[in-house]
Amino acid sequence: MVKRKAKRVPVNPTPVIKPEQIYQKGFGTEMPPQKRLVEIYFDQKSIISQAEPFFNFYEKTNWCSPKGTPYRNWKLLAGEWIYNFEQEKKLRKRLWENALLTS
């Protein structure tokens, strides 16, 4: 008598979501930047929450200045964005503390 082998049914593996492949060098001069590189940059600056608003804002403007001139370095823009965010955060903190002192 011949033994029958169990028929193997292929199991559908769960699709593995791969992170976006990085094809730019990340120096800041390749425009427009990859979203993943922007997220990494903001994460290094410990302000990851601002990566999405920054990218969306400049994506809407097509990475061009108000005059229509294309930007050449997104890291300079990101540095200004972070500086302005920090200044605004300090201002809000001072206003809140002053409001507490006067009440």
N, C-alpha and C. Protein backbone atom coordinates (compact mmCIF):
# COMPACT_ATOMS: atom_id res chain seq x y z
N MET A 1 0.83 -1.16 0.00
CA MET A 1 0.00 0.00 0.00
C MET A 1 0.90 1.25 0.00
N VAL A 2 0.53 2.25 -0.81
CA VAL A 2 1.30 3.47 -0.96
C VAL A 2 0.76 4.52 0.00
N LYS A 3 1.66 5.14 0.73
CA LYS A 3 1.22 6.18 1.66
C LYS A 3 0.96 7.46 0.88
N ARG A 4 -0.10 8.13 1.25
CA ARG A 4 -0.42 9.41 0.62
C ARG A 4 0.16 10.54 1.45
N LYS A 5 0.79 11.46 0.79
CA LYS A 5 1.32 12.62 1.48
C LYS A 5 0.25 13.69 1.56
N ALA A 6 0.28 14.43 2.62
CA ALA A 6 -0.68 15.52 2.78
C ALA A 6 -0.38 16.59 1.74
N LYS A 7 -1.44 17.08 1.15
CA LYS A 7 -1.28 18.13 0.15
C LYS A 7 -1.04 19.45 0.86
N ARG A 8 0.03 20.11 0.51
CA ARG A 8 0.36 21.38 1.15
C ARG A 8 -0.40 22.51 0.48
N VAL A 9 -1.05 23.27 1.30
CA VAL A 9 -1.79 24.43 0.81
C VAL A 9 -0.92 25.66 1.05
N PRO A 10 -0.67 26.43 0.00
CA PRO A 10 0.16 27.62 0.22
C PRO A 10 -0.54 28.61 1.13
N VAL A 11 0.18 29.10 2.10
CA VAL A 11 -0.35 30.06 3.05
C VAL A 11 -0.09 31.46 2.50
N ASN A 12 -1.13 32.28 2.50
CA ASN A 12 -0.95 33.65 2.05
C ASN A 12 -0.31 34.45 3.17
N PRO A 13 0.94 34.81 2.99
CA PRO A 13 1.59 35.59 4.05
C PRO A 13 0.99 36.99 4.13
N THR A 14 0.99 37.54 5.32
CA THR A 14 0.49 38.90 5.46
C THR A 14 1.46 39.83 4.74
N PRO A 15 0.91 40.78 4.00
CA PRO A 15 1.80 41.67 3.26
C PRO A 15 2.65 42.50 4.20
N VAL A 16 3.91 42.53 3.93
CA VAL A 16 4.85 43.29 4.74
C VAL A 16 4.91 44.70 4.17
N ILE A 17 4.61 45.66 5.00
CA ILE A 17 4.65 47.04 4.55
C ILE A 17 6.09 47.53 4.68
N LYS A 18 6.67 47.78 3.55
CA LYS A 18 8.05 48.24 3.54
C LYS A 18 8.06 49.76 3.65
N PRO A 19 9.01 50.30 4.39
CA PRO A 19 9.10 51.75 4.43
C PRO A 19 9.51 52.28 3.06
N GLU A 20 9.17 53.52 2.84
CA GLU A 20 9.48 54.14 1.56
C GLU A 20 10.99 54.03 1.30
N GLN A 21 11.31 53.54 0.12
CA GLN A 21 12.72 53.38 -0.22
C GLN A 21 13.34 54.76 -0.44
N ILE A 22 14.49 54.96 0.15
CA ILE A 22 15.17 56.24 0.03
C ILE A 22 16.09 56.18 -1.17
N TYR A 23 15.84 57.07 -2.13
CA TYR A 23 16.66 57.11 -3.33
C TYR A 23 17.44 58.41 -3.47
N GLN A 24 17.27 59.31 -2.50
CA GLN A 24 18.04 60.55 -2.51
C GLN A 24 19.16 60.45 -1.48
N LYS A 25 20.14 61.34 -1.59
CA LYS A 25 21.27 61.29 -0.67
C LYS A 25 20.97 61.99 0.64
N GLY A 26 20.05 62.93 0.67
CA GLY A 26 19.65 63.57 1.91
C GLY A 26 20.47 64.78 2.29
N PHE A 27 21.18 65.38 1.34
CA PHE A 27 21.98 66.56 1.65
C PHE A 27 21.14 67.82 1.71
N GLY A 28 19.94 67.78 1.17
CA GLY A 28 19.05 68.94 1.21
C GLY A 28 18.96 69.66 -0.12
N THR A 29 19.81 69.31 -1.06
CA THR A 29 19.80 70.03 -2.34
C THR A 29 18.97 69.34 -3.40
N GLU A 30 18.50 68.14 -3.13
CA GLU A 30 17.67 67.43 -4.11
C GLU A 30 16.23 67.82 -3.88
N MET A 31 15.64 68.49 -4.85
CA MET A 31 14.30 69.02 -4.69
C MET A 31 13.34 68.33 -5.65
N PRO A 32 12.12 68.08 -5.29
CA PRO A 32 11.59 68.13 -3.93
C PRO A 32 12.11 66.95 -3.12
N PRO A 33 12.16 67.11 -1.81
CA PRO A 33 12.70 66.02 -0.98
C PRO A 33 11.69 64.90 -0.80
N GLN A 34 12.20 63.74 -0.45
CA GLN A 34 11.32 62.64 -0.10
C GLN A 34 10.75 62.90 1.28
N LYS A 35 9.51 62.54 1.47
CA LYS A 35 8.85 62.76 2.75
C LYS A 35 9.59 62.04 3.88
N ARG A 36 10.09 60.86 3.60
CA ARG A 36 10.80 60.07 4.61
C ARG A 36 12.06 60.79 5.09
N LEU A 37 12.77 61.46 4.18
CA LEU A 37 13.97 62.20 4.57
C LEU A 37 13.61 63.39 5.46
N VAL A 38 12.49 64.03 5.16
CA VAL A 38 12.04 65.15 5.99
C VAL A 38 11.70 64.65 7.39
N GLU A 39 11.02 63.50 7.46
CA GLU A 39 10.69 62.93 8.77
C GLU A 39 11.95 62.59 9.56
N ILE A 40 12.94 62.04 8.89
CA ILE A 40 14.19 61.69 9.57
C ILE A 40 14.87 62.96 10.09
N TYR A 41 14.90 64.01 9.27
CA TYR A 41 15.55 65.26 9.67
C TYR A 41 14.88 65.86 10.90
N PHE A 42 13.54 65.92 10.87
CA PHE A 42 12.81 66.49 12.01
C PHE A 42 12.94 65.60 13.25
N ASP A 43 13.05 64.30 13.06
CA ASP A 43 13.25 63.39 14.18
C ASP A 43 14.62 63.64 14.81
N GLN A 44 15.63 63.90 14.01
CA GLN A 44 16.96 64.19 14.53
C GLN A 44 16.96 65.49 15.33
N LYS A 45 16.09 66.41 14.95
CA LYS A 45 15.99 67.69 15.66
C LYS A 45 15.01 67.62 16.84
N SER A 46 14.50 66.43 17.12
CA SER A 46 13.57 66.16 18.23
C SER A 46 12.29 66.96 18.14
N ILE A 47 11.76 67.10 16.93
CA ILE A 47 10.52 67.84 16.72
C ILE A 47 9.72 67.18 15.60
N ILE A 48 9.58 65.86 15.70
CA ILE A 48 8.94 65.06 14.66
C ILE A 48 7.52 65.51 14.35
N SER A 49 6.84 66.13 15.31
CA SER A 49 5.45 66.55 15.10
C SER A 49 5.32 67.60 14.01
N GLN A 50 6.39 68.30 13.69
CA GLN A 50 6.33 69.36 12.69
C GLN A 50 6.73 68.90 11.29
N ALA A 51 7.12 67.66 11.12
CA ALA A 51 7.54 67.17 9.81
C ALA A 51 6.38 67.18 8.81
N GLU A 52 5.25 66.67 9.24
CA GLU A 52 4.07 66.60 8.36
C GLU A 52 3.58 68.00 7.95
N PRO A 53 3.36 68.93 8.90
CA PRO A 53 2.92 70.28 8.49
C PRO A 53 3.93 70.97 7.57
N PHE A 54 5.21 70.81 7.86
CA PHE A 54 6.25 71.41 7.01
C PHE A 54 6.17 70.88 5.59
N PHE A 55 6.14 69.55 5.47
CA PHE A 55 6.12 68.94 4.14
C PHE A 55 4.87 69.33 3.38
N ASN A 56 3.71 69.29 4.04
CA ASN A 56 2.46 69.64 3.37
C ASN A 56 2.42 71.10 2.93
N PHE A 57 2.94 72.00 3.78
CA PHE A 57 2.95 73.42 3.44
C PHE A 57 3.76 73.68 2.17
N TYR A 58 4.96 73.15 2.13
CA TYR A 58 5.80 73.40 0.96
C TYR A 58 5.39 72.57 -0.26
N GLU A 59 4.73 71.45 -0.03
CA GLU A 59 4.20 70.67 -1.14
C GLU A 59 3.09 71.45 -1.85
N LYS A 60 2.26 72.17 -1.06
CA LYS A 60 1.20 72.99 -1.65
C LYS A 60 1.77 74.12 -2.50
N THR A 61 2.90 74.67 -2.06
CA THR A 61 3.51 75.77 -2.81
C THR A 61 4.41 75.25 -3.93
N ASN A 62 4.45 73.93 -4.10
CA ASN A 62 5.25 73.29 -5.14
C ASN A 62 6.74 73.58 -4.95
N TRP A 63 7.15 73.76 -3.70
CA TRP A 63 8.54 74.01 -3.33
C TRP A 63 9.08 75.25 -4.05
N CYS A 64 8.22 76.26 -4.16
CA CYS A 64 8.61 77.53 -4.78
C CYS A 64 8.34 78.67 -3.82
N SER A 65 9.11 79.75 -3.96
CA SER A 65 8.92 80.94 -3.14
C SER A 65 7.65 81.67 -3.60
N PRO A 66 7.18 82.67 -2.83
CA PRO A 66 6.00 83.43 -3.27
C PRO A 66 6.18 84.10 -4.63
N LYS A 67 7.42 84.39 -5.01
CA LYS A 67 7.67 84.98 -6.33
C LYS A 67 7.68 83.93 -7.44
N GLY A 68 7.69 82.66 -7.07
CA GLY A 68 7.69 81.59 -8.07
C GLY A 68 9.05 80.97 -8.31
N THR A 69 10.06 81.43 -7.60
CA THR A 69 11.40 80.89 -7.74
C THR A 69 11.49 79.56 -6.97
N PRO A 70 11.95 78.51 -7.62
CA PRO A 70 12.05 77.24 -6.89
C PRO A 70 13.14 77.30 -5.82
N TYR A 71 12.85 76.69 -4.69
CA TYR A 71 13.83 76.61 -3.61
C TYR A 71 14.92 75.64 -4.02
N ARG A 72 16.14 75.87 -3.48
CA ARG A 72 17.27 75.02 -3.84
C ARG A 72 17.66 74.06 -2.72
N ASN A 73 17.33 74.41 -1.46
CA ASN A 73 17.75 73.57 -0.34
C ASN A 73 16.62 73.49 0.69
N TRP A 74 16.05 72.33 0.83
CA TRP A 74 14.91 72.18 1.75
C TRP A 74 15.36 72.19 3.21
N LYS A 75 16.62 71.86 3.49
CA LYS A 75 17.07 71.86 4.88
C LYS A 75 17.17 73.27 5.45
N LEU A 76 17.46 74.26 4.60
CA LEU A 76 17.43 75.65 5.06
C LEU A 76 16.00 76.04 5.44
N LEU A 77 15.05 75.62 4.62
CA LEU A 77 13.64 75.90 4.92
C LEU A 77 13.22 75.22 6.21
N ALA A 78 13.66 73.99 6.40
CA ALA A 78 13.31 73.25 7.61
C ALA A 78 13.92 73.91 8.85
N GLY A 79 15.14 74.41 8.72
CA GLY A 79 15.77 75.10 9.84
C GLY A 79 15.00 76.35 10.24
N GLU A 80 14.55 77.11 9.25
CA GLU A 80 13.74 78.30 9.53
C GLU A 80 12.41 77.91 10.16
N TRP A 81 11.81 76.83 9.65
CA TRP A 81 10.53 76.35 10.17
C TRP A 81 10.66 75.98 11.65
N ILE A 82 11.73 75.25 11.98
CA ILE A 82 11.96 74.83 13.37
C ILE A 82 12.22 76.04 14.26
N TYR A 83 13.03 76.98 13.78
CA TYR A 83 13.32 78.19 14.56
C TYR A 83 12.04 78.96 14.85
N ASN A 84 11.22 79.18 13.82
CA ASN A 84 9.97 79.91 14.01
C ASN A 84 9.02 79.17 14.96
N PHE A 85 8.99 77.85 14.86
CA PHE A 85 8.14 77.06 15.75
C PHE A 85 8.59 77.21 17.20
N GLU A 86 9.90 77.14 17.43
CA GLU A 86 10.43 77.28 18.79
C GLU A 86 10.14 78.68 19.35
N GLN A 87 10.30 79.71 18.52
CA GLN A 87 10.03 81.08 18.97
C GLN A 87 8.55 81.26 19.32
N GLU A 88 7.68 80.69 18.50
CA GLU A 88 6.24 80.78 18.77
C GLU A 88 5.88 80.04 20.05
N LYS A 89 6.53 78.90 20.29
CA LYS A 89 6.29 78.12 21.51
C LYS A 89 6.72 78.92 22.74
N LYS A 90 7.87 79.60 22.66
CA LYS A 90 8.34 80.43 23.78
C LYS A 90 7.39 81.59 24.02
N LEU A 91 6.90 82.21 22.93
CA LEU A 91 5.98 83.33 23.07
C LEU A 91 4.68 82.89 23.75
N ARG A 92 4.14 81.74 23.32
CA ARG A 92 2.91 81.23 23.94
C ARG A 92 3.12 80.95 25.42
N LYS A 93 4.29 80.42 25.77
CA LYS A 93 4.59 80.11 27.17
C LYS A 93 4.65 81.40 27.99
N ARG A 94 5.31 82.45 27.46
CA ARG A 94 5.39 83.72 28.18
C ARG A 94 4.02 84.36 28.34
N LEU A 95 3.21 84.32 27.29
CA LEU A 95 1.86 84.90 27.38
C LEU A 95 1.01 84.15 28.41
N TRP A 96 1.16 82.83 28.44
CA TRP A 96 0.39 82.04 29.40
C TRP A 96 0.84 82.34 30.82
N GLU A 97 2.15 82.45 31.03
CA GLU A 97 2.65 82.77 32.37
C GLU A 97 2.21 84.17 32.80
N ASN A 98 2.23 85.13 31.88
CA ASN A 98 1.77 86.48 32.20
C ASN A 98 0.29 86.49 32.52
N ALA A 99 -0.47 85.69 31.83
CA ALA A 99 -1.91 85.61 32.10
C ALA A 99 -2.15 85.06 33.50
N LEU A 100 -1.33 84.10 33.92
CA LEU A 100 -1.48 83.54 35.26
C LEU A 100 -1.09 84.56 36.34
N LEU A 101 -0.06 85.36 36.05
CA LEU A 101 0.40 86.34 37.04
C LEU A 101 -0.61 87.47 37.22
N THR A 102 -1.27 87.87 36.14
CA THR A 102 -2.20 89.01 36.23
C THR A 102 -3.56 88.59 36.79
N SER A 103 -3.86 87.33 36.82
CA SER A 103 -5.18 86.92 37.33
C SER A 103 -5.16 86.57 38.79
